[in-house]
Amino acid sequence: MIARVWTCRTPLRKADAFEAHLRATGVAEADKTPGSAGVTVLRRDRGGVTHFVMISYWESYDAIRAFAGEDMDRAWLHGDDSLFDLDPDLFVTHHEVVRTA
């Protein structure tokens, strides 16, 4: 299994709306892509800024390419993300999952 990790930041005042948007876009798209093995979203509110980490799990790199395209290291961003004053990482990291609890 492969974990695809993406992070972003948004002002705290827009965090709840962005969280709902993330679930409706990135999470929903990942969930419906063949080869998806689930998604975890982490949230941390600190100092007026909210940090999000989205970790999607995949059966193969081919499944990731079906979701993200050939340049799978580039973040998959949604056109409406700008409504949330998002500070997104433009690249993701991929990690082989060696153990889960």
N, C-alpha and C. Protein backbone atom coordinates (compact mmCIF):
# COMPACT_ATOMS: atom_id res chain seq x y z
N MET A 1 0.85 -1.17 0.00
CA MET A 1 0.00 0.00 0.00
C MET A 1 0.90 1.23 0.00
N ILE A 2 0.40 2.30 -0.64
CA ILE A 2 1.14 3.56 -0.73
C ILE A 2 0.29 4.66 -0.11
N ALA A 3 0.92 5.49 0.70
CA ALA A 3 0.26 6.67 1.28
C ALA A 3 0.70 7.90 0.49
N ARG A 4 -0.26 8.68 0.09
CA ARG A 4 -0.03 9.95 -0.63
C ARG A 4 -0.36 11.06 0.36
N VAL A 5 0.61 11.93 0.67
CA VAL A 5 0.45 12.93 1.72
C VAL A 5 0.50 14.33 1.12
N TRP A 6 -0.52 15.12 1.44
CA TRP A 6 -0.60 16.51 0.98
C TRP A 6 -0.95 17.39 2.17
N THR A 7 -0.37 18.59 2.21
CA THR A 7 -0.65 19.52 3.30
C THR A 7 -1.02 20.89 2.75
N CYS A 8 -1.76 21.63 3.58
CA CYS A 8 -2.10 23.01 3.24
C CYS A 8 -2.43 23.76 4.52
N ARG A 9 -2.55 25.06 4.39
CA ARG A 9 -2.92 25.93 5.49
C ARG A 9 -4.02 26.88 5.01
N THR A 10 -4.88 27.27 5.95
CA THR A 10 -5.93 28.24 5.64
C THR A 10 -6.20 29.05 6.90
N PRO A 11 -6.69 30.28 6.76
CA PRO A 11 -7.04 31.04 7.96
C PRO A 11 -8.10 30.29 8.79
N LEU A 12 -7.97 30.34 10.09
CA LEU A 12 -8.90 29.64 10.98
C LEU A 12 -10.35 30.00 10.68
N ARG A 13 -10.61 31.23 10.32
CA ARG A 13 -11.99 31.67 10.07
C ARG A 13 -12.61 30.96 8.85
N LYS A 14 -11.78 30.38 8.01
CA LYS A 14 -12.28 29.68 6.81
C LYS A 14 -12.11 28.16 6.91
N ALA A 15 -11.59 27.69 8.03
CA ALA A 15 -11.23 26.27 8.15
C ALA A 15 -12.42 25.33 8.09
N ASP A 16 -13.51 25.65 8.75
CA ASP A 16 -14.67 24.75 8.73
C ASP A 16 -15.22 24.61 7.31
N ALA A 17 -15.30 25.74 6.61
CA ALA A 17 -15.80 25.69 5.23
C ALA A 17 -14.84 24.93 4.33
N PHE A 18 -13.53 25.14 4.52
CA PHE A 18 -12.58 24.41 3.70
C PHE A 18 -12.63 22.91 3.99
N GLU A 19 -12.79 22.55 5.25
CA GLU A 19 -12.88 21.13 5.59
C GLU A 19 -14.04 20.47 4.85
N ALA A 20 -15.18 21.12 4.82
CA ALA A 20 -16.34 20.58 4.09
C ALA A 20 -16.04 20.50 2.59
N HIS A 21 -15.38 21.52 2.07
CA HIS A 21 -15.00 21.56 0.65
C HIS A 21 -14.02 20.42 0.33
N LEU A 22 -13.04 20.20 1.20
CA LEU A 22 -12.06 19.13 0.99
C LEU A 22 -12.74 17.77 0.95
N ARG A 23 -13.70 17.57 1.85
CA ARG A 23 -14.44 16.29 1.86
C ARG A 23 -15.23 16.11 0.56
N ALA A 24 -15.80 17.20 0.05
CA ALA A 24 -16.64 17.12 -1.14
C ALA A 24 -15.83 17.03 -2.43
N THR A 25 -14.56 17.41 -2.39
CA THR A 25 -13.74 17.41 -3.60
C THR A 25 -12.66 16.33 -3.51
N GLY A 26 -11.55 16.65 -2.90
CA GLY A 26 -10.40 15.73 -2.86
C GLY A 26 -10.71 14.39 -2.25
N VAL A 27 -11.38 14.38 -1.10
CA VAL A 27 -11.70 13.11 -0.43
C VAL A 27 -12.68 12.30 -1.28
N ALA A 28 -13.72 12.95 -1.77
CA ALA A 28 -14.73 12.25 -2.57
C ALA A 28 -14.12 11.70 -3.86
N GLU A 29 -13.27 12.48 -4.51
CA GLU A 29 -12.62 12.02 -5.75
C GLU A 29 -11.70 10.83 -5.48
N ALA A 30 -10.93 10.91 -4.40
CA ALA A 30 -10.05 9.79 -4.06
C ALA A 30 -10.87 8.55 -3.75
N ASP A 31 -11.93 8.71 -2.96
CA ASP A 31 -12.75 7.56 -2.57
C ASP A 31 -13.36 6.83 -3.76
N LYS A 32 -13.71 7.56 -4.81
CA LYS A 32 -14.37 6.92 -5.95
C LYS A 32 -13.40 6.42 -7.02
N THR A 33 -12.11 6.67 -6.84
CA THR A 33 -11.12 6.21 -7.81
C THR A 33 -10.77 4.75 -7.55
N PRO A 34 -10.86 3.89 -8.56
CA PRO A 34 -10.47 2.49 -8.36
C PRO A 34 -9.04 2.40 -7.83
N GLY A 35 -8.84 1.52 -6.87
CA GLY A 35 -7.52 1.35 -6.26
C GLY A 35 -7.32 2.18 -5.01
N SER A 36 -8.31 3.02 -4.67
CA SER A 36 -8.24 3.79 -3.43
C SER A 36 -8.47 2.85 -2.26
N ALA A 37 -7.69 3.06 -1.20
CA ALA A 37 -7.83 2.24 0.00
C ALA A 37 -8.20 3.09 1.21
N GLY A 38 -8.76 4.29 0.97
CA GLY A 38 -9.22 5.14 2.05
C GLY A 38 -8.46 6.45 2.16
N VAL A 39 -9.00 7.33 2.99
CA VAL A 39 -8.44 8.67 3.17
C VAL A 39 -8.52 9.03 4.65
N THR A 40 -7.46 9.68 5.14
CA THR A 40 -7.45 10.25 6.49
C THR A 40 -7.19 11.75 6.33
N VAL A 41 -7.97 12.57 7.03
CA VAL A 41 -7.72 14.02 7.05
C VAL A 41 -7.41 14.42 8.48
N LEU A 42 -6.29 15.11 8.65
CA LEU A 42 -5.88 15.62 9.95
C LEU A 42 -6.02 17.14 9.95
N ARG A 43 -6.35 17.70 11.11
CA ARG A 43 -6.55 19.14 11.23
C ARG A 43 -5.90 19.63 12.52
N ARG A 44 -5.22 20.78 12.42
CA ARG A 44 -4.58 21.39 13.59
C ARG A 44 -4.80 22.89 13.54
N ASP A 45 -5.51 23.42 14.53
CA ASP A 45 -5.77 24.86 14.63
C ASP A 45 -4.74 25.48 15.57
N ARG A 46 -3.97 26.43 15.07
CA ARG A 46 -2.96 27.10 15.89
C ARG A 46 -2.75 28.53 15.41
N GLY A 47 -2.83 29.47 16.34
CA GLY A 47 -2.46 30.85 16.04
C GLY A 47 -3.20 31.48 14.88
N GLY A 48 -4.48 31.22 14.76
CA GLY A 48 -5.27 31.83 13.69
C GLY A 48 -5.15 31.13 12.34
N VAL A 49 -4.38 30.04 12.29
CA VAL A 49 -4.17 29.29 11.06
C VAL A 49 -4.55 27.83 11.31
N THR A 50 -5.16 27.23 10.31
CA THR A 50 -5.48 25.81 10.40
C THR A 50 -4.63 25.06 9.38
N HIS A 51 -3.96 24.02 9.87
CA HIS A 51 -3.15 23.16 9.03
C HIS A 51 -3.94 21.88 8.76
N PHE A 52 -4.00 21.49 7.50
CA PHE A 52 -4.65 20.25 7.11
C PHE A 52 -3.61 19.31 6.51
N VAL A 53 -3.76 18.04 6.81
CA VAL A 53 -2.96 16.98 6.19
C VAL A 53 -3.96 15.97 5.63
N MET A 54 -3.87 15.72 4.35
CA MET A 54 -4.71 14.70 3.73
C MET A 54 -3.81 13.53 3.35
N ILE A 55 -4.12 12.38 3.88
CA ILE A 55 -3.37 11.17 3.56
C ILE A 55 -4.33 10.21 2.86
N SER A 56 -4.06 9.96 1.60
CA SER A 56 -4.87 8.98 0.87
C SER A 56 -4.03 7.72 0.70
N TYR A 57 -4.71 6.59 0.73
CA TYR A 57 -4.05 5.29 0.66
C TYR A 57 -4.42 4.60 -0.64
N TRP A 58 -3.43 3.99 -1.26
CA TRP A 58 -3.61 3.44 -2.61
C TRP A 58 -3.02 2.05 -2.72
N GLU A 59 -3.64 1.25 -3.56
CA GLU A 59 -3.17 -0.12 -3.79
C GLU A 59 -1.93 -0.17 -4.67
N SER A 60 -1.74 0.85 -5.54
CA SER A 60 -0.60 0.85 -6.46
C SER A 60 -0.33 2.26 -6.96
N TYR A 61 0.84 2.43 -7.58
CA TYR A 61 1.16 3.72 -8.20
C TYR A 61 0.28 3.96 -9.42
N ASP A 62 -0.14 2.91 -10.09
CA ASP A 62 -1.06 3.06 -11.22
C ASP A 62 -2.38 3.66 -10.75
N ALA A 63 -2.86 3.24 -9.59
CA ALA A 63 -4.10 3.81 -9.04
C ALA A 63 -3.90 5.29 -8.72
N ILE A 64 -2.74 5.65 -8.20
CA ILE A 64 -2.45 7.07 -7.91
C ILE A 64 -2.46 7.87 -9.21
N ARG A 65 -1.86 7.33 -10.25
CA ARG A 65 -1.85 8.04 -11.54
C ARG A 65 -3.27 8.22 -12.08
N ALA A 66 -4.15 7.25 -11.85
CA ALA A 66 -5.54 7.38 -12.29
C ALA A 66 -6.22 8.54 -11.58
N PHE A 67 -5.83 8.79 -10.35
CA PHE A 67 -6.38 9.90 -9.56
C PHE A 67 -5.70 11.22 -9.90
N ALA A 68 -4.36 11.23 -9.93
CA ALA A 68 -3.59 12.47 -9.98
C ALA A 68 -3.06 12.83 -11.36
N GLY A 69 -3.03 11.87 -12.27
CA GLY A 69 -2.42 12.12 -13.57
C GLY A 69 -0.98 11.63 -13.59
N GLU A 70 -0.34 11.76 -14.74
CA GLU A 70 1.02 11.25 -14.91
C GLU A 70 2.02 11.93 -13.99
N ASP A 71 1.87 13.22 -13.75
CA ASP A 71 2.76 13.94 -12.84
C ASP A 71 2.22 13.77 -11.42
N MET A 72 2.33 12.56 -10.90
CA MET A 72 1.66 12.22 -9.65
C MET A 72 2.27 12.89 -8.43
N ASP A 73 3.43 13.52 -8.57
CA ASP A 73 4.02 14.24 -7.44
C ASP A 73 3.45 15.66 -7.29
N ARG A 74 2.70 16.10 -8.26
CA ARG A 74 2.07 17.42 -8.21
C ARG A 74 0.75 17.28 -7.46
N ALA A 75 0.46 18.23 -6.61
CA ALA A 75 -0.79 18.20 -5.84
C ALA A 75 -1.98 18.35 -6.77
N TRP A 76 -3.05 17.65 -6.42
CA TRP A 76 -4.32 17.74 -7.14
C TRP A 76 -5.13 18.85 -6.47
N LEU A 77 -5.22 20.02 -7.12
CA LEU A 77 -5.93 21.16 -6.53
C LEU A 77 -7.24 21.39 -7.26
N HIS A 78 -8.22 21.86 -6.53
CA HIS A 78 -9.55 22.11 -7.07
C HIS A 78 -9.68 23.60 -7.36
N GLY A 79 -10.37 23.96 -8.42
CA GLY A 79 -10.51 25.36 -8.82
C GLY A 79 -11.09 26.28 -7.75
N ASP A 80 -11.96 25.74 -6.90
CA ASP A 80 -12.59 26.57 -5.86
C ASP A 80 -11.71 26.74 -4.62
N ASP A 81 -10.54 26.12 -4.58
CA ASP A 81 -9.67 26.23 -3.41
C ASP A 81 -9.34 27.68 -3.07
N SER A 82 -9.28 28.54 -4.08
CA SER A 82 -8.91 29.94 -3.85
C SER A 82 -9.93 30.67 -2.98
N LEU A 83 -11.14 30.17 -2.88
CA LEU A 83 -12.17 30.81 -2.04
C LEU A 83 -11.82 30.75 -0.56
N PHE A 84 -10.86 29.93 -0.20
CA PHE A 84 -10.55 29.69 1.21
C PHE A 84 -9.20 30.28 1.63
N ASP A 85 -8.66 31.19 0.79
CA ASP A 85 -7.34 31.79 1.06
C ASP A 85 -6.32 30.70 1.38
N LEU A 86 -6.36 29.66 0.60
CA LEU A 86 -5.55 28.47 0.84
C LEU A 86 -4.07 28.74 0.54
N ASP A 87 -3.22 28.20 1.38
CA ASP A 87 -1.78 28.18 1.14
C ASP A 87 -1.42 26.70 0.98
N PRO A 88 -1.55 26.18 -0.25
CA PRO A 88 -1.36 24.73 -0.44
C PRO A 88 0.08 24.39 -0.78
N ASP A 89 0.51 23.22 -0.36
CA ASP A 89 1.74 22.67 -0.91
C ASP A 89 1.41 22.22 -2.33
N LEU A 90 2.28 22.53 -3.25
CA LEU A 90 2.02 22.22 -4.65
C LEU A 90 2.47 20.82 -5.04
N PHE A 91 3.19 20.17 -4.14
CA PHE A 91 3.65 18.82 -4.38
C PHE A 91 3.25 17.93 -3.21
N VAL A 92 3.15 16.66 -3.47
CA VAL A 92 2.81 15.67 -2.46
C VAL A 92 4.01 14.75 -2.26
N THR A 93 3.95 13.96 -1.21
CA THR A 93 4.96 12.91 -1.02
C THR A 93 4.24 11.57 -1.00
N HIS A 94 4.96 10.55 -1.43
CA HIS A 94 4.43 9.19 -1.44
C HIS A 94 5.31 8.33 -0.55
N HIS A 95 4.67 7.48 0.24
CA HIS A 95 5.38 6.64 1.18
C HIS A 95 4.83 5.22 1.12
N GLU A 96 5.71 4.25 1.12
CA GLU A 96 5.30 2.86 1.22
C GLU A 96 4.82 2.63 2.67
N VAL A 97 3.64 2.08 2.82
CA VAL A 97 3.12 1.75 4.15
C VAL A 97 3.73 0.43 4.57
N VAL A 98 4.51 0.45 5.65
CA VAL A 98 5.17 -0.77 6.08
C VAL A 98 4.47 -1.42 7.26
N ARG A 99 3.61 -0.65 7.95
CA ARG A 99 2.87 -1.23 9.08
C ARG A 99 1.67 -0.35 9.39
N THR A 100 0.56 -0.96 9.70
CA THR A 100 -0.59 -0.26 10.24
C THR A 100 -1.02 -0.99 11.51
N ALA A 101 -1.67 -0.26 12.38
CA ALA A 101 -2.11 -0.86 13.65
C ALA A 101 -3.32 -1.72 13.45
